[in-house]
C-alpha atoms as a PDB file:
ATOM      1  CA  LEU A   1      15.530   3.988  32.683  1.00  0.00           C
ATOM      2  CA  SER A   2      17.985   3.728  35.544  1.00  0.00           C
ATOM      3  CA  PRO A   3      21.251   5.739  35.497  1.00  0.00           C
ATOM      4  CA  LEU A   4      23.221   2.476  35.682  1.00  0.00           C
ATOM      5  CA  TYR A   5      21.470   1.138  32.557  1.00  0.00           C
ATOM      6  CA  LEU A   6      22.283   4.370  30.693  1.00  0.00           C
ATOM      7  CA  ARG A   7      25.964   4.159  31.670  1.00  0.00           C
ATOM      8  CA  VAL A   8      26.179   0.536  30.557  1.00  0.00           C
ATOM      9  CA  GLU A   9      24.447   1.400  27.285  1.00  0.00           C
ATOM     10  CA  LYS A  10      26.902   4.286  26.701  1.00  0.00           C
ATOM     11  CA  ALA A  11      29.861   1.994  27.455  1.00  0.00           C
ATOM     12  CA  GLY A  12      28.508  -0.424  24.864  1.00  0.00           C
ATOM     13  CA  GLU A  13      28.390   2.378  22.307  1.00  0.00           C
ATOM     14  CA  VAL A  14      32.044   3.243  22.975  1.00  0.00           C
ATOM     15  CA  VAL A  15      33.090  -0.388  22.536  1.00  0.00           C
ATOM     16  CA  LYS A  16      31.060  -0.647  19.322  1.00  0.00           C
ATOM     17  CA  GLU A  17      32.686   2.548  17.992  1.00  0.00           C
ATOM     18  CA  ALA A  18      36.153   1.202  18.821  1.00  0.00           C
ATOM     19  CA  GLN A  19      35.376  -2.022  17.011  1.00  0.00           C
ATOM     20  CA  GLU A  20      34.097  -0.154  13.949  1.00  0.00           C
ATOM     21  CA  LYS A  21      36.866   2.462  13.778  1.00  0.00           C
ATOM     22  CA  GLY A  22      39.704   0.381  15.154  1.00  0.00           C
ATOM     23  CA  LEU A  23      41.845   1.280  18.120  1.00  0.00           C
ATOM     24  CA  GLY A  24      43.872   3.921  16.305  1.00  0.00           C
ATOM     25  CA  ASP A  25      41.339   6.699  16.905  1.00  0.00           C
ATOM     26  CA  HIS A  26      41.140   5.843  20.572  1.00  0.00           C
ATOM     27  CA  ILE A  27      44.906   5.696  20.917  1.00  0.00           C
ATOM     28  CA  MET A  28      45.175   9.093  19.192  1.00  0.00           C
ATOM     29  CA  ALA A  29      42.694  10.460  21.738  1.00  0.00           C
ATOM     30  CA  MET A  30      45.378   9.837  24.381  1.00  0.00           C
ATOM     31  CA  VAL A  31      47.939  11.988  22.553  1.00  0.00           C
ATOM     32  CA  ARG A  32      47.823  15.608  23.686  1.00  0.00           C
ATOM     33  CA  TYR A  33      48.854  18.648  21.658  1.00  0.00           C
ATOM     34  CA  PHE A  34      49.959  21.893  23.260  1.00  0.00           C
ATOM     35  CA  GLU A  35      50.082  25.222  21.495  1.00  0.00           C
ATOM     36  CA  HIS A  36      53.158  27.348  22.212  1.00  0.00           C
ATOM     37  CA  GLY A  37      52.399  29.795  25.033  1.00  0.00           C
ATOM     38  CA  LYS A  38      49.347  27.920  26.388  1.00  0.00           C
ATOM     39  CA  LYS A  39      49.182  25.592  29.363  1.00  0.00           C
ATOM     40  CA  LYS A  40      46.080  23.655  28.284  1.00  0.00           C
ATOM     41  CA  SER A  41      46.147  21.081  25.528  1.00  0.00           C
ATOM     42  CA  VAL A  42      44.235  21.742  22.322  1.00  0.00           C
ATOM     43  CA  ALA A  43      41.855  19.449  20.471  1.00  0.00           C
ATOM     44  CA  GLY A  44      43.353  17.107  17.885  1.00  0.00           C
ATOM     45  CA  GLU A  45      41.186  18.673  15.176  1.00  0.00           C
ATOM     46  CA  TYR A  46      42.542  22.133  16.000  1.00  0.00           C
ATOM     47  CA  ALA A  47      46.114  20.798  16.037  1.00  0.00           C
ATOM     48  CA  ALA A  48      45.578  19.174  12.629  1.00  0.00           C
ATOM     49  CA  GLN A  49      44.147  22.395  11.201  1.00  0.00           C
ATOM     50  CA  LYS A  50      47.031  24.452  12.608  1.00  0.00           C
ATOM     51  CA  ALA A  51      49.511  21.939  11.186  1.00  0.00           C
ATOM     52  CA  GLY A  52      47.810  22.040   7.788  1.00  0.00           C
ATOM     53  CA  VAL A  53      46.793  18.380   7.706  1.00  0.00           C
ATOM     54  CA  THR A  54      43.361  16.814   7.467  1.00  0.00           C
ATOM     55  CA  THR A  55      43.614  13.403   9.145  1.00  0.00           C
ATOM     56  CA  LYS A  56      44.770  12.094  12.499  1.00  0.00           C
ATOM     57  CA  GLN A  57      47.188   9.806  10.679  1.00  0.00           C
ATOM     58  CA  GLU A  58      48.837  12.782   8.968  1.00  0.00           C
ATOM     59  CA  LEU A  59      49.014  14.631  12.290  1.00  0.00           C
ATOM     60  CA  GLU A  60      50.541  11.600  14.008  1.00  0.00           C
ATOM     61  CA  ALA A  61      53.124  11.277  11.210  1.00  0.00           C
ATOM     62  CA  LEU A  62      54.469  14.810  11.753  1.00  0.00           C
ATOM     63  CA  THR A  63      57.820  15.003  13.489  1.00  0.00           C
ATOM     64  CA  ASP A  64      58.365  17.037  16.635  1.00  0.00           C
ATOM     65  CA  ALA A  65      60.331  19.543  14.534  1.00  0.00           C
ATOM     66  CA  GLN A  66      57.434  19.916  12.065  1.00  0.00           C
ATOM     67  CA  LEU A  67      55.006  20.442  14.938  1.00  0.00           C
ATOM     68  CA  LYS A  68      57.329  22.971  16.575  1.00  0.00           C
ATOM     69  CA  ALA A  69      57.522  24.915  13.297  1.00  0.00           C
ATOM     70  CA  VAL A  70      53.752  25.525  13.525  1.00  0.00           C
ATOM     71  CA  GLY A  71      53.805  26.264  17.263  1.00  0.00           C
ATOM     72  CA  LEU A  72      52.667  22.849  18.500  1.00  0.00           C
ATOM     73  CA  GLU A  73      54.092  20.168  20.751  1.00  0.00           C
ATOM     74  CA  ARG A  74      52.958  16.570  21.205  1.00  0.00           C
ATOM     75  CA  VAL A  75      52.717  14.895  24.627  1.00  0.00           C
ATOM     76  CA  ALA A  76      52.154  11.151  24.515  1.00  0.00           C
ATOM     77  CA  GLU A  77      49.417  11.000  27.162  1.00  0.00           C
ATOM     78  CA  HIS A  78      47.614  12.942  29.843  1.00  0.00           C
ATOM     79  CA  TYR A  79      49.851  13.463  32.871  1.00  0.00           C
ATOM     80  CA  SER A  80      47.551  11.673  35.309  1.00  0.00           C
ATOM     81  CA  ASP A  81      47.307   8.652  32.991  1.00  0.00           C
ATOM     82  CA  ALA A  82      51.120   8.541  32.751  1.00  0.00           C
ATOM     83  CA  PHE A  83      51.404   8.789  36.545  1.00  0.00           C
ATOM     84  CA  TYR A  84      49.000   5.938  37.267  1.00  0.00           C
ATOM     85  CA  LYS A  85      50.473   3.798  34.482  1.00  0.00           C
ATOM     86  CA  ALA A  86      53.889   4.164  36.142  1.00  0.00           C
ATOM     87  CA  TYR A  87      52.452   3.528  39.616  1.00  0.00           C
ATOM     88  CA  PRO A  88      49.590   1.075  39.087  1.00  0.00           C
ATOM     89  CA  HIS A  89      49.550   0.207  42.800  1.00  0.00           C
ATOM     90  CA  LEU A  90      48.256   3.749  43.426  1.00  0.00           C
ATOM     91  CA  GLU A  91      45.303   3.409  41.017  1.00  0.00           C
ATOM     92  CA  SER A  92      42.977   2.461  43.890  1.00  0.00           C
ATOM     93  CA  MET A  93      43.892   5.792  45.542  1.00  0.00           C
ATOM     94  CA  ARG A  94      43.094   7.927  42.465  1.00  0.00           C
ATOM     95  CA  SER A  95      40.214   9.703  44.207  1.00  0.00           C
ATOM     96  CA  LYS A  96      42.409  10.370  47.256  1.00  0.00           C
ATOM     97  CA  LEU A  97      45.433  11.830  45.434  1.00  0.00           C
ATOM     98  CA  GLN A  98      46.121  14.913  43.384  1.00  0.00           C
ATOM     99  CA  VAL A  99      48.772  14.511  40.715  1.00  0.00           C
ATOM    100  CA  HIS A 100      51.143  17.404  41.297  1.00  0.00           C
ATOM    101  CA  HIS A 101      53.358  19.060  38.681  1.00  0.00           C
ATOM    102  CA  ALA A 102      56.696  19.901  40.301  1.00  0.00           C
ATOM    103  CA  LEU A 103      57.202  22.261  37.352  1.00  0.00           C
ATOM    104  CA  PRO A 104      53.934  24.195  37.339  1.00  0.00           C
ATOM    105  CA  GLN A 105      51.813  24.271  34.203  1.00  0.00           C
ATOM    106  CA  ARG A 106      51.944  28.078  34.417  1.00  0.00           C
ATOM    107  CA  LEU A 107      55.450  27.770  32.957  1.00  0.00           C
ATOM    108  CA  LEU A 108      53.798  26.926  29.622  1.00  0.00           C
ATOM    109  CA  GLU A 109      51.909  30.227  29.479  1.00  0.00           C
ATOM    110  CA  LYS A 110      52.985  32.936  27.052  1.00  0.00           C
ATOM    111  CA  LYS A 111      54.795  34.869  29.773  1.00  0.00           C
ATOM    112  CA  HIS A 112      57.227  31.962  30.286  1.00  0.00           C
ATOM    113  CA  ALA A 113      56.898  30.242  26.903  1.00  0.00           C
ATOM    114  CA  GLY A 114      60.027  28.412  25.822  1.00  0.00           C
ATOM    115  CA  LEU A 115      61.519  28.114  29.300  1.00  0.00           C
ATOM    116  CA  PHE A 116      60.262  24.506  29.595  1.00  0.00           C
ATOM    117  CA  SER A 117      58.467  22.356  27.061  1.00  0.00           C
ATOM    118  CA  ALA A 118      55.069  20.742  27.620  1.00  0.00           C
ATOM    119  CA  GLN A 119      56.864  17.391  27.470  1.00  0.00           C
ATOM    120  CA  GLU A 120      59.123  18.453  30.341  1.00  0.00           C
ATOM    121  CA  VAL A 121      56.343  19.897  32.500  1.00  0.00           C
ATOM    122  CA  ASN A 122      54.270  16.728  32.019  1.00  0.00           C
ATOM    123  CA  ASP A 123      57.210  14.302  32.326  1.00  0.00           C
ATOM    124  CA  LEU A 124      56.818  11.580  34.947  1.00  0.00           C
ATOM    125  CA  LYS A 125      60.066  12.785  36.539  1.00  0.00           C
ATOM    126  CA  TYR A 126      58.234  15.973  37.528  1.00  0.00           C
ATOM    127  CA  LEU A 127      54.981  14.381  38.728  1.00  0.00           C
ATOM    128  CA  SER A 128      54.110  13.335  42.274  1.00  0.00           C
ATOM    129  CA  GLY A 129      50.974  12.264  44.051  1.00  0.00           C
ATOM    130  CA  ILE A 130      49.873  14.368  47.004  1.00  0.00           C
ATOM    131  CA  PRO A 131      47.127  12.982  49.251  1.00  0.00           C
ATOM    132  CA  ASN A 132      44.043  15.208  49.329  1.00  0.00           C
ATOM    133  CA  ASP A 133      44.178  15.189  53.123  1.00  0.00           C
ATOM    134  CA  ALA A 134      47.883  16.180  53.367  1.00  0.00           C
ATOM    135  CA  ARG A 135      47.909  19.329  55.458  1.00  0.00           C
ATOM    136  CA  ILE A 136      50.178  21.581  57.433  1.00  0.00           C
ATOM    137  CA  GLY A 137      47.907  23.063  60.041  1.00  0.00           C
ATOM    138  CA  LYS A 138      44.694  23.885  58.202  1.00  0.00           C
ATOM    139  CA  ASP A 139      46.372  24.382  54.819  1.00  0.00           C
ATOM    140  CA  ARG A 140      46.420  21.725  52.095  1.00  0.00           C
ATOM    141  CA  VAL A 141      49.960  20.896  51.019  1.00  0.00           C
ATOM    142  CA  HIS A 142      49.152  21.035  47.303  1.00  0.00           C
ATOM    143  CA  GLN A 143      47.689  24.523  47.727  1.00  0.00           C
ATOM    144  CA  LEU A 144      50.728  25.667  49.736  1.00  0.00           C
ATOM    145  CA  ILE A 145      52.969  24.578  46.841  1.00  0.00           C
ATOM    146  CA  THR A 146      50.695  26.246  44.274  1.00  0.00           C
ATOM    147  CA  ASN A 147      50.681  29.467  46.305  1.00  0.00           C
ATOM    148  CA  SER A 148      54.475  29.391  46.616  1.00  0.00           C
ATOM    149  CA  TRP A 149      54.863  29.070  42.844  1.00  0.00           C
ATOM    150  CA  LYS A 150      52.362  31.863  42.222  1.00  0.00           C
ATOM    151  CA  GLU A 151      54.206  34.250  44.550  1.00  0.00           C
ATOM    152  CA  TRP A 152      57.633  33.188  43.272  1.00  0.00           C
ATOM    153  CA  LEU A 153      56.718  33.628  39.609  1.00  0.00           C
ATOM    154  CA  GLU A 154      55.159  37.044  40.336  1.00  0.00           C
ATOM    155  CA  SER A 155      58.351  38.223  42.027  1.00  0.00           C
ATOM    156  CA  ASN A 156      60.683  36.510  39.524  1.00  0.00           C
ATOM    157  CA  THR A 157      59.201  37.764  36.265  1.00  0.00           C
ATOM    158  CA  ASN A 158      62.030  36.585  34.018  1.00  0.00           C
ATOM    159  CA  PRO A 159      63.545  33.518  35.703  1.00  0.00           C
ATOM    160  CA  THR A 160      66.160  31.255  34.184  1.00  0.00           C
ATOM    161  CA  ARG A 161      65.668  27.499  33.919  1.00  0.00           C
ATOM    162  CA  GLU A 162      68.145  26.974  36.741  1.00  0.00           C
ATOM    163  CA  GLN A 163      66.315  29.425  39.021  1.00  0.00           C
ATOM    164  CA  VAL A 164      63.039  27.590  38.362  1.00  0.00           C
ATOM    165  CA  LEU A 165      64.654  24.214  39.043  1.00  0.00           C
ATOM    166  CA  GLU A 166      66.210  25.564  42.245  1.00  0.00           C
ATOM    167  CA  HIS A 167      62.802  26.766  43.497  1.00  0.00           C
ATOM    168  CA  MET A 168      61.299  23.391  42.575  1.00  0.00           C
ATOM    169  CA  ARG A 169      64.013  21.575  44.544  1.00  0.00           C
ATOM    170  CA  ASN A 170      63.423  23.851  47.542  1.00  0.00           C
ATOM    171  CA  LEU A 171      59.718  22.983  47.438  1.00  0.00           C
ATOM    172  CA  ASP A 172      60.550  19.294  47.061  1.00  0.00           C
ATOM    173  CA  GLN A 173      62.763  19.519  50.123  1.00  0.00           C
ATOM    174  CA  GLU A 174      60.082  21.343  52.129  1.00  0.00           C
ATOM    175  CA  TYR A 175      57.058  19.251  51.098  1.00  0.00           C
ATOM    176  CA  GLY A 176      58.505  16.047  49.624  1.00  0.00           C
ATOM    177  CA  ARG A 177      57.674  14.069  52.769  1.00  0.00           C
ATOM    178  CA  PHE A 178      54.019  14.241  51.688  1.00  0.00           C
ATOM    179  CA  PHE A 179      54.610  12.910  48.142  1.00  0.00           C
ATOM    180  CA  VAL A 180      53.392   9.512  47.016  1.00  0.00           C
ATOM    181  CA  PRO A 181      55.472   7.632  46.116  1.00  0.00           C
ATOM    182  CA  PRO A 182      58.127   9.204  48.331  1.00  0.00           C
ATOM    183  CA  LEU A 183      60.544  11.440  46.465  1.00  0.00           C
ATOM    184  CA  GLU A 184      64.089  10.191  46.529  1.00  0.00           C
ATOM    185  CA  LYS A 185      66.668  12.886  47.205  1.00  0.00           C
ATOM    186  CA  GLY A 186      68.391  14.149  44.067  1.00  0.00           C
ATOM    187  CA  VAL A 187      65.902  12.605  41.622  1.00  0.00           C
ATOM    188  CA  ARG A 188      64.799  15.950  40.208  1.00  0.00           C
END
């Protein structure tokens, strides 16, 4: 069988599953749960277990305060999906852009836990597209920003929110000319 046939067959299975289960399960798959002190989202099943519930509907019904009480936080959708939903005209450039977190995901790690929420770090306000080919000399712009955050967080081991936001704004000022869509001054 050809690879194309297998992909089409798999797509048919996904559609069939959606029709059988309803869209609710697929919509829930878009919701992300973050565990306090970790920058990567956790599986819905793990989040449900940690929250002491057994179904996705029960998990979805929990308030943000109830989730927080068990060390979880809900984010409505994956950051790249939110970015391209807000900027559908950039969808055709998806393979040519990296979605950049102005507030680095490292801020969600245990070392900085509580400084910013997963909702804040993944908020559209703090997301920008950076073209893969954006460079200063031989260095990729996205990597220059990542390196700056790494060095800054290593030398500022206990920063305040305002110090983090100030560093972010400095980086925006230095590299914002590469962002897609262009970053308007004072937006962040």
